[in-house]
């Protein structure tokens, strides 16, 4: 299940800044970075691409990883992805 509320207290193990990159680069870079964090760790992704909102929700659902948080403020998006496997 996807939680889009900013209520997560997860502490990211890594931060990926993909602000300024257009689709599909934010998601592709996040997929690669997620492989580099340990199972059970959280990846924080910062993006500016509006399409990333839809992309990250779909990626989490299809990949089996958890989208702990998806938040938008002033045209910037913040995602917290939990690596489940």
PDB file of N, CA and C in Angstrom:
ATOM      1  N   UNK A   1       0.836  -1.191   0.000  1.00  0.00           N
ATOM      2  CA  UNK A   1       0.000   0.000   0.000  1.00  0.00           C
ATOM      3  C   UNK A   1       0.872   1.242   0.000  1.00  0.00           C
ATOM      4  N   UNK A   2       0.481   2.233  -0.703  1.00  0.00           N
ATOM      5  CA  UNK A   2       1.254   3.453  -0.823  1.00  0.00           C
ATOM      6  C   UNK A   2       0.727   4.508   0.131  1.00  0.00           C
ATOM      7  N   UNK A   3       1.637   5.088   0.897  1.00  0.00           N
ATOM      8  CA  UNK A   3       1.276   6.140   1.842  1.00  0.00           C
ATOM      9  C   UNK A   3       1.824   7.452   1.314  1.00  0.00           C
ATOM     10  N   UNK A   4       0.935   8.372   0.963  1.00  0.00           N
ATOM     11  CA  UNK A   4       1.373   9.663   0.446  1.00  0.00           C
ATOM     12  C   UNK A   4       1.422  10.727   1.534  1.00  0.00           C
ATOM     13  N   UNK A   5       1.273  10.352   2.780  1.00  0.00           N
ATOM     14  CA  UNK A   5       1.293  11.353   3.845  1.00  0.00           C
ATOM     15  C   UNK A   5       2.722  11.599   4.305  1.00  0.00           C
ATOM     16  N   UNK A   6       3.023  12.834   4.718  1.00  0.00           N
ATOM     17  CA  UNK A   6       4.367  13.150   5.183  1.00  0.00           C
ATOM     18  C   UNK A   6       4.576  12.791   6.647  1.00  0.00           C
ATOM     19  N   UNK A   7       3.986  11.698   7.108  1.00  0.00           N
ATOM     20  CA  UNK A   7       4.029  11.349   8.520  1.00  0.00           C
ATOM     21  C   UNK A   7       5.110  10.321   8.852  1.00  0.00           C
ATOM     22  N   UNK A   8       5.888   9.921   7.871  1.00  0.00           N
ATOM     23  CA  UNK A   8       6.887   8.894   8.090  1.00  0.00           C
ATOM     24  C   UNK A   8       8.019   9.402   8.969  1.00  0.00           C
ATOM     25  N   UNK A   9       8.471   8.542   9.874  1.00  0.00           N
ATOM     26  CA  UNK A   9       9.594   8.900  10.737  1.00  0.00           C
ATOM     27  C   UNK A   9      10.854   8.142  10.330  1.00  0.00           C
ATOM     28  N   UNK A  10      10.835   7.536   9.154  1.00  0.00           N
ATOM     29  CA  UNK A  10      11.982   6.767   8.670  1.00  0.00           C
ATOM     30  C   UNK A  10      13.180   7.681   8.434  1.00  0.00           C
ATOM     31  N   UNK A  11      14.343   7.195   8.810  1.00  0.00           N
ATOM     32  CA  UNK A  11      15.583   7.943   8.604  1.00  0.00           C
ATOM     33  C   UNK A  11      16.272   7.384   7.362  1.00  0.00           C
ATOM     34  N   UNK A  12      16.465   8.223   6.338  1.00  0.00           N
ATOM     35  CA  UNK A  12      17.084   7.736   5.108  1.00  0.00           C
ATOM     36  C   UNK A  12      18.547   7.339   5.308  1.00  0.00           C
ATOM     37  N   UNK A  13      18.922   6.230   4.682  1.00  0.00           N
ATOM     38  CA  UNK A  13      20.318   5.794   4.685  1.00  0.00           C
ATOM     39  C   UNK A  13      21.097   6.557   3.619  1.00  0.00           C
ATOM     40  N   UNK A  14      20.414   6.920   2.536  1.00  0.00           N
ATOM     41  CA  UNK A  14      21.034   7.632   1.417  1.00  0.00           C
ATOM     42  C   UNK A  14      20.073   8.685   0.890  1.00  0.00           C
ATOM     43  N   UNK A  15      20.644   9.719   0.283  1.00  0.00           N
ATOM     44  CA  UNK A  15      19.843  10.766  -0.358  1.00  0.00           C
ATOM     45  C   UNK A  15      20.258  10.837  -1.821  1.00  0.00           C
ATOM     46  N   UNK A  16      19.268  10.893  -2.708  1.00  0.00           N
ATOM     47  CA  UNK A  16      19.495  11.024  -4.138  1.00  0.00           C
ATOM     48  C   UNK A  16      18.831  12.312  -4.602  1.00  0.00           C
ATOM     49  N   UNK A  17      19.627  13.229  -5.124  1.00  0.00           N
ATOM     50  CA  UNK A  17      19.111  14.503  -5.607  1.00  0.00           C
ATOM     51  C   UNK A  17      19.035  14.461  -7.125  1.00  0.00           C
ATOM     52  N   UNK A  18      17.825  14.347  -7.647  1.00  0.00           N
ATOM     53  CA  UNK A  18      17.613  14.318  -9.091  1.00  0.00           C
ATOM     54  C   UNK A  18      16.810  15.533  -9.542  1.00  0.00           C
ATOM     55  N   UNK A  19      16.865  16.585  -8.753  1.00  0.00           N
ATOM     56  CA  UNK A  19      16.157  17.822  -9.118  1.00  0.00           C
ATOM     57  C   UNK A  19      16.727  18.352 -10.427  1.00  0.00           C
ATOM     58  N   UNK A  20      15.841  18.795 -11.296  1.00  0.00           N
ATOM     59  CA  UNK A  20      16.247  19.323 -12.590  1.00  0.00           C
ATOM     60  C   UNK A  20      16.273  18.288 -13.701  1.00  0.00           C
ATOM     61  N   UNK A  21      16.156  17.020 -13.357  1.00  0.00           N
ATOM     62  CA  UNK A  21      16.146  15.961 -14.370  1.00  0.00           C
ATOM     63  C   UNK A  21      14.710  15.634 -14.763  1.00  0.00           C
ATOM     64  N   UNK A  22      14.525  15.344 -16.046  1.00  0.00           N
ATOM     65  CA  UNK A  22      13.192  15.022 -16.566  1.00  0.00           C
ATOM     66  C   UNK A  22      13.017  13.519 -16.683  1.00  0.00           C
ATOM     67  N   UNK A  23      11.770  13.104 -16.753  1.00  0.00           N
ATOM     68  CA  UNK A  23      11.388  11.714 -16.912  1.00  0.00           C
ATOM     69  C   UNK A  23      12.094  11.123 -18.122  1.00  0.00           C
ATOM     70  N   UNK A  24      12.622   9.947 -18.045  1.00  0.00           N
ATOM     71  CA  UNK A  24      12.530   8.948 -16.986  1.00  0.00           C
ATOM     72  C   UNK A  24      13.740   8.930 -16.039  1.00  0.00           C
ATOM     73  N   UNK A  25      14.632   9.921 -16.155  1.00  0.00           N
ATOM     74  CA  UNK A  25      15.871   9.888 -15.378  1.00  0.00           C
ATOM     75  C   UNK A  25      15.698   9.817 -13.861  1.00  0.00           C
ATOM     76  N   UNK A  26      14.776  10.568 -13.241  1.00  0.00           N
ATOM     77  CA  UNK A  26      14.652  10.451 -11.782  1.00  0.00           C
ATOM     78  C   UNK A  26      14.372   9.021 -11.332  1.00  0.00           C
ATOM     79  N   UNK A  27      13.474   8.351 -12.010  1.00  0.00           N
ATOM     80  CA  UNK A  27      13.131   6.978 -11.626  1.00  0.00           C
ATOM     81  C   UNK A  27      14.274   6.015 -11.924  1.00  0.00           C
ATOM     82  N   UNK A  28      14.914   6.157 -13.065  1.00  0.00           N
ATOM     83  CA  UNK A  28      16.025   5.263 -13.409  1.00  0.00           C
ATOM     84  C   UNK A  28      17.169   5.393 -12.414  1.00  0.00           C
ATOM     85  N   UNK A  29      17.508   6.620 -12.028  1.00  0.00           N
ATOM     86  CA  UNK A  29      18.579   6.834 -11.057  1.00  0.00           C
ATOM     87  C   UNK A  29      18.174   6.326  -9.679  1.00  0.00           C
ATOM     88  N   UNK A  30      16.900   6.473  -9.333  1.00  0.00           N
ATOM     89  CA  UNK A  30      16.421   5.975  -8.042  1.00  0.00           C
ATOM     90  C   UNK A  30      16.462   4.455  -7.997  1.00  0.00           C
ATOM     91  N   UNK A  31      16.097   3.802  -9.073  1.00  0.00           N
ATOM     92  CA  UNK A  31      16.162   2.331  -9.119  1.00  0.00           C
ATOM     93  C   UNK A  31      17.584   1.851  -8.893  1.00  0.00           C
ATOM     94  N   UNK A  32      18.538   2.512  -9.542  1.00  0.00           N
ATOM     95  CA  UNK A  32      19.941   2.139  -9.379  1.00  0.00           C
ATOM     96  C   UNK A  32      20.408   2.389  -7.943  1.00  0.00           C
ATOM     97  N   UNK A  33      20.069   3.534  -7.393  1.00  0.00           N
ATOM     98  CA  UNK A  33      20.480   3.878  -6.031  1.00  0.00           C
ATOM     99  C   UNK A  33      19.847   2.948  -5.004  1.00  0.00           C
ATOM    100  N   UNK A  34      18.631   2.515  -5.259  1.00  0.00           N
ATOM    101  CA  UNK A  34      17.941   1.622  -4.323  1.00  0.00           C
ATOM    102  C   UNK A  34      18.662   0.280  -4.238  1.00  0.00           C
ATOM    103  N   UNK A  35      19.269  -0.150  -5.321  1.00  0.00           N
ATOM    104  CA  UNK A  35      20.035  -1.404  -5.314  1.00  0.00           C
ATOM    105  C   UNK A  35      21.291  -1.289  -4.446  1.00  0.00           C
ATOM    106  N   UNK A  36      21.744  -0.066  -4.198  1.00  0.00           N
ATOM    107  CA  UNK A  36      22.966   0.154  -3.438  1.00  0.00           C
ATOM    108  C   UNK A  36      22.733   0.308  -1.938  1.00  0.00           C
ATOM    109  N   UNK A  37      21.478   0.443  -1.512  1.00  0.00           N
ATOM    110  CA  UNK A  37      21.194   0.479  -0.074  1.00  0.00           C
ATOM    111  C   UNK A  37      20.818  -0.930   0.373  1.00  0.00           C
ATOM    112  N   UNK A  38      21.041  -1.211   1.634  1.00  0.00           N
ATOM    113  CA  UNK A  38      20.760  -2.542   2.168  1.00  0.00           C
ATOM    114  C   UNK A  38      19.253  -2.774   2.296  1.00  0.00           C
ATOM    115  N   UNK A  39      18.864  -4.033   2.249  1.00  0.00           N
ATOM    116  CA  UNK A  39      17.462  -4.389   2.489  1.00  0.00           C
ATOM    117  C   UNK A  39      17.069  -3.850   3.860  1.00  0.00           C
ATOM    118  N   UNK A  40      15.924  -3.193   3.920  1.00  0.00           N
ATOM    119  CA  UNK A  40      15.443  -2.607   5.164  1.00  0.00           C
ATOM    120  C   UNK A  40      15.847  -1.155   5.348  1.00  0.00           C
ATOM    121  N   UNK A  41      16.699  -0.639   4.456  1.00  0.00           N
ATOM    122  CA  UNK A  41      17.099   0.763   4.544  1.00  0.00           C
ATOM    123  C   UNK A  41      16.222   1.619   3.638  1.00  0.00           C
ATOM    124  N   UNK A  42      16.274   2.932   3.888  1.00  0.00           N
ATOM    125  CA  UNK A  42      15.420   3.889   3.191  1.00  0.00           C
ATOM    126  C   UNK A  42      16.269   4.794   2.302  1.00  0.00           C
ATOM    127  N   UNK A  43      15.784   5.016   1.092  1.00  0.00           N
ATOM    128  CA  UNK A  43      16.382   5.951   0.150  1.00  0.00           C
ATOM    129  C   UNK A  43      15.483   7.175   0.058  1.00  0.00           C
ATOM    130  N   UNK A  44      16.067   8.336   0.247  1.00  0.00           N
ATOM    131  CA  UNK A  44      15.340   9.600   0.067  1.00  0.00           C
ATOM    132  C   UNK A  44      15.644  10.124  -1.324  1.00  0.00           C
ATOM    133  N   UNK A  45      14.614  10.499  -2.065  1.00  0.00           N
ATOM    134  CA  UNK A  45      14.780  11.030  -3.417  1.00  0.00           C
ATOM    135  C   UNK A  45      14.157  12.422  -3.468  1.00  0.00           C
ATOM    136  N   UNK A  46      14.929  13.376  -3.990  1.00  0.00           N
ATOM    137  CA  UNK A  46      14.452  14.741  -4.189  1.00  0.00           C
ATOM    138  C   UNK A  46      14.350  14.982  -5.685  1.00  0.00           C
ATOM    139  N   UNK A  47      13.178  15.412  -6.163  1.00  0.00           N
ATOM    140  CA  UNK A  47      12.945  15.579  -7.598  1.00  0.00           C
ATOM    141  C   UNK A  47      12.133  16.843  -7.854  1.00  0.00           C
ATOM    142  N   UNK A  48      12.158  17.294  -9.107  1.00  0.00           N
ATOM    143  CA  UNK A  48      11.340  18.431  -9.522  1.00  0.00           C
ATOM    144  C   UNK A  48      10.403  18.078 -10.674  1.00  0.00           C
ATOM    145  N   UNK A  49      10.523  16.884 -11.220  1.00  0.00           N
ATOM    146  CA  UNK A  49       9.692  16.454 -12.343  1.00  0.00           C
ATOM    147  C   UNK A  49       8.294  16.097 -11.845  1.00  0.00           C
ATOM    148  N   UNK A  50       7.252  16.823 -12.282  1.00  0.00           N
ATOM    149  CA  UNK A  50       5.897  16.519 -11.824  1.00  0.00           C
ATOM    150  C   UNK A  50       5.453  15.095 -12.137  1.00  0.00           C
ATOM    151  N   UNK A  51       5.958  14.514 -13.214  1.00  0.00           N
ATOM    152  CA  UNK A  51       5.602  13.146 -13.570  1.00  0.00           C
ATOM    153  C   UNK A  51       6.142  12.119 -12.594  1.00  0.00           C
ATOM    154  N   UNK A  52       7.119  12.532 -11.790  1.00  0.00           N
ATOM    155  CA  UNK A  52       7.698  11.599 -10.825  1.00  0.00           C
ATOM    156  C   UNK A  52       6.673  11.169  -9.779  1.00  0.00           C
ATOM    157  N   UNK A  53       5.689  12.010  -9.523  1.00  0.00           N
ATOM    158  CA  UNK A  53       4.660  11.670  -8.520  1.00  0.00           C
ATOM    159  C   UNK A  53       3.978  10.360  -8.892  1.00  0.00           C
ATOM    160  N   UNK A  54       3.574  10.258 -10.116  1.00  0.00           N
ATOM    161  CA  UNK A  54       2.911   9.054 -10.621  1.00  0.00           C
ATOM    162  C   UNK A  54       3.915   7.914 -10.761  1.00  0.00           C
ATOM    163  N   UNK A  55       5.104   8.244 -11.273  1.00  0.00           N
ATOM    164  CA  UNK A  55       6.118   7.219 -11.531  1.00  0.00           C
ATOM    165  C   UNK A  55       6.571   6.498 -10.272  1.00  0.00           C
ATOM    166  N   UNK A  56       6.839   7.228  -9.199  1.00  0.00           N
ATOM    167  CA  UNK A  56       7.339   6.596  -7.984  1.00  0.00           C
ATOM    168  C   UNK A  56       6.273   5.743  -7.302  1.00  0.00           C
ATOM    169  N   UNK A  57       5.031   6.171  -7.353  1.00  0.00           N
ATOM    170  CA  UNK A  57       3.947   5.365  -6.776  1.00  0.00           C
ATOM    171  C   UNK A  57       3.813   4.048  -7.542  1.00  0.00           C
ATOM    172  N   UNK A  58       3.842   4.126  -8.876  1.00  0.00           N
ATOM    173  CA  UNK A  58       3.716   2.917  -9.693  1.00  0.00           C
ATOM    174  C   UNK A  58       4.931   2.010  -9.508  1.00  0.00           C
ATOM    175  N   UNK A  59       6.125   2.595  -9.456  1.00  0.00           N
ATOM    176  CA  UNK A  59       7.341   1.807  -9.268  1.00  0.00           C
ATOM    177  C   UNK A  59       7.292   1.030  -7.957  1.00  0.00           C
ATOM    178  N   UNK A  60       6.905   1.685  -6.886  1.00  0.00           N
ATOM    179  CA  UNK A  60       6.855   1.020  -5.588  1.00  0.00           C
ATOM    180  C   UNK A  60       5.872  -0.151  -5.625  1.00  0.00           C
ATOM    181  N   UNK A  61       4.730   0.065  -6.210  1.00  0.00           N
ATOM    182  CA  UNK A  61       3.716  -0.990  -6.271  1.00  0.00           C
ATOM    183  C   UNK A  61       4.187  -2.169  -7.111  1.00  0.00           C
ATOM    184  N   UNK A  62       4.825  -1.898  -8.239  1.00  0.00           N
ATOM    185  CA  UNK A  62       5.248  -2.957  -9.148  1.00  0.00           C
ATOM    186  C   UNK A  62       6.517  -3.668  -8.695  1.00  0.00           C
ATOM    187  N   UNK A  63       7.393  -2.966  -7.980  1.00  0.00           N
ATOM    188  CA  UNK A  63       8.695  -3.534  -7.620  1.00  0.00           C
ATOM    189  C   UNK A  63       8.689  -4.292  -6.300  1.00  0.00           C
ATOM    190  N   UNK A  64       7.670  -4.065  -5.482  1.00  0.00           N
ATOM    191  CA  UNK A  64       7.638  -4.709  -4.180  1.00  0.00           C
ATOM    192  C   UNK A  64       8.356  -3.932  -3.091  1.00  0.00           C
ATOM    193  N   UNK A  65       8.851  -2.737  -3.428  1.00  0.00           N
ATOM    194  CA  UNK A  65       9.436  -1.860  -2.413  1.00  0.00           C
ATOM    195  C   UNK A  65       8.316  -0.978  -1.872  1.00  0.00           C
ATOM    196  N   UNK A  66       8.556  -0.323  -0.737  1.00  0.00           N
ATOM    197  CA  UNK A  66       7.514   0.488  -0.113  1.00  0.00           C
ATOM    198  C   UNK A  66       7.792   1.976  -0.281  1.00  0.00           C
ATOM    199  N   UNK A  67       6.786   2.703  -0.725  1.00  0.00           N
ATOM    200  CA  UNK A  67       6.857   4.154  -0.771  1.00  0.00           C
ATOM    201  C   UNK A  67       6.324   4.649   0.569  1.00  0.00           C
ATOM    202  N   UNK A  68       7.237   4.988   1.471  1.00  0.00           N
ATOM    203  CA  UNK A  68       6.859   5.398   2.819  1.00  0.00           C
ATOM    204  C   UNK A  68       6.307   6.808   2.857  1.00  0.00           C
ATOM    205  N   UNK A  69       6.805   7.643   1.975  1.00  0.00           N
ATOM    206  CA  UNK A  69       6.373   9.039   1.957  1.00  0.00           C
ATOM    207  C   UNK A  69       6.490   9.597   0.554  1.00  0.00           C
ATOM    208  N   UNK A  70       5.515  10.397   0.174  1.00  0.00           N
ATOM    209  CA  UNK A  70       5.552  11.179  -1.053  1.00  0.00           C
ATOM    210  C   UNK A  70       4.983  12.540  -0.698  1.00  0.00           C
ATOM    211  N   UNK A  71       5.809  13.567  -0.820  1.00  0.00           N
ATOM    212  CA  UNK A  71       5.376  14.906  -0.446  1.00  0.00           C
ATOM    213  C   UNK A  71       5.802  15.891  -1.525  1.00  0.00           C
ATOM    214  N   UNK A  72       5.013  16.949  -1.693  1.00  0.00           N
ATOM    215  CA  UNK A  72       5.314  17.993  -2.663  1.00  0.00           C
ATOM    216  C   UNK A  72       5.221  19.339  -1.966  1.00  0.00           C
ATOM    217  N   UNK A  73       6.213  20.182  -2.198  1.00  0.00           N
ATOM    218  CA  UNK A  73       6.200  21.545  -1.664  1.00  0.00           C
ATOM    219  C   UNK A  73       6.912  22.459  -2.641  1.00  0.00           C
ATOM    220  N   UNK A  74       6.219  23.465  -3.112  1.00  0.00           N
ATOM    221  CA  UNK A  74       6.782  24.484  -3.999  1.00  0.00           C
ATOM    222  C   UNK A  74       7.477  23.887  -5.220  1.00  0.00           C
ATOM    223  N   UNK A  75       6.866  22.885  -5.816  1.00  0.00           N
ATOM    224  CA  UNK A  75       7.393  22.292  -7.036  1.00  0.00           C
ATOM    225  C   UNK A  75       8.523  21.300  -6.842  1.00  0.00           C
ATOM    226  N   UNK A  76       8.800  20.968  -5.593  1.00  0.00           N
ATOM    227  CA  UNK A  76       9.804  19.940  -5.309  1.00  0.00           C
ATOM    228  C   UNK A  76       9.118  18.751  -4.660  1.00  0.00           C
ATOM    229  N   UNK A  77       9.573  17.575  -5.045  1.00  0.00           N
ATOM    230  CA  UNK A  77       8.986  16.329  -4.569  1.00  0.00           C
ATOM    231  C   UNK A  77      10.010  15.580  -3.732  1.00  0.00           C
ATOM    232  N   UNK A  78       9.520  14.965  -2.659  1.00  0.00           N
ATOM    233  CA  UNK A  78      10.378  14.179  -1.775  1.00  0.00           C
ATOM    234  C   UNK A  78       9.731  12.814  -1.611  1.00  0.00           C
ATOM    235  N   UNK A  79      10.538  11.780  -1.861  1.00  0.00           N
ATOM    236  CA  UNK A  79      10.054  10.417  -1.742  1.00  0.00           C
ATOM    237  C   UNK A  79      10.965   9.656  -0.777  1.00  0.00           C
ATOM    238  N   UNK A  80      10.364   8.796   0.022  1.00  0.00           N
ATOM    239  CA  UNK A  80      11.112   7.876   0.864  1.00  0.00           C
ATOM    240  C   UNK A  80      10.749   6.472   0.431  1.00  0.00           C
ATOM    241  N   UNK A  81      11.736   5.757  -0.078  1.00  0.00           N
ATOM    242  CA  UNK A  81      11.536   4.391  -0.559  1.00  0.00           C
ATOM    243  C   UNK A  81      12.244   3.413   0.363  1.00  0.00           C
ATOM    244  N   UNK A  82      11.517   2.418   0.827  1.00  0.00           N
ATOM    245  CA  UNK A  82      12.079   1.358   1.664  1.00  0.00           C
ATOM    246  C   UNK A  82      12.413   0.174   0.788  1.00  0.00           C
ATOM    247  N   UNK A  83      13.668  -0.257   0.848  1.00  0.00           N
ATOM    248  CA  UNK A  83      14.073  -1.438   0.078  1.00  0.00           C
ATOM    249  C   UNK A  83      13.622  -2.682   0.821  1.00  0.00           C
ATOM    250  N   UNK A  84      12.737  -3.446   0.200  1.00  0.00           N
ATOM    251  CA  UNK A  84      12.170  -4.635   0.841  1.00  0.00           C
ATOM    252  C   UNK A  84      12.854  -5.938   0.464  1.00  0.00           C
ATOM    253  N   UNK A  85      13.614  -5.946  -0.601  1.00  0.00           N
ATOM    254  CA  UNK A  85      14.283  -7.193  -1.034  1.00  0.00           C
ATOM    255  C   UNK A  85      15.522  -6.884  -1.814  1.00  0.00           C
TER     256      UNK A  85
END
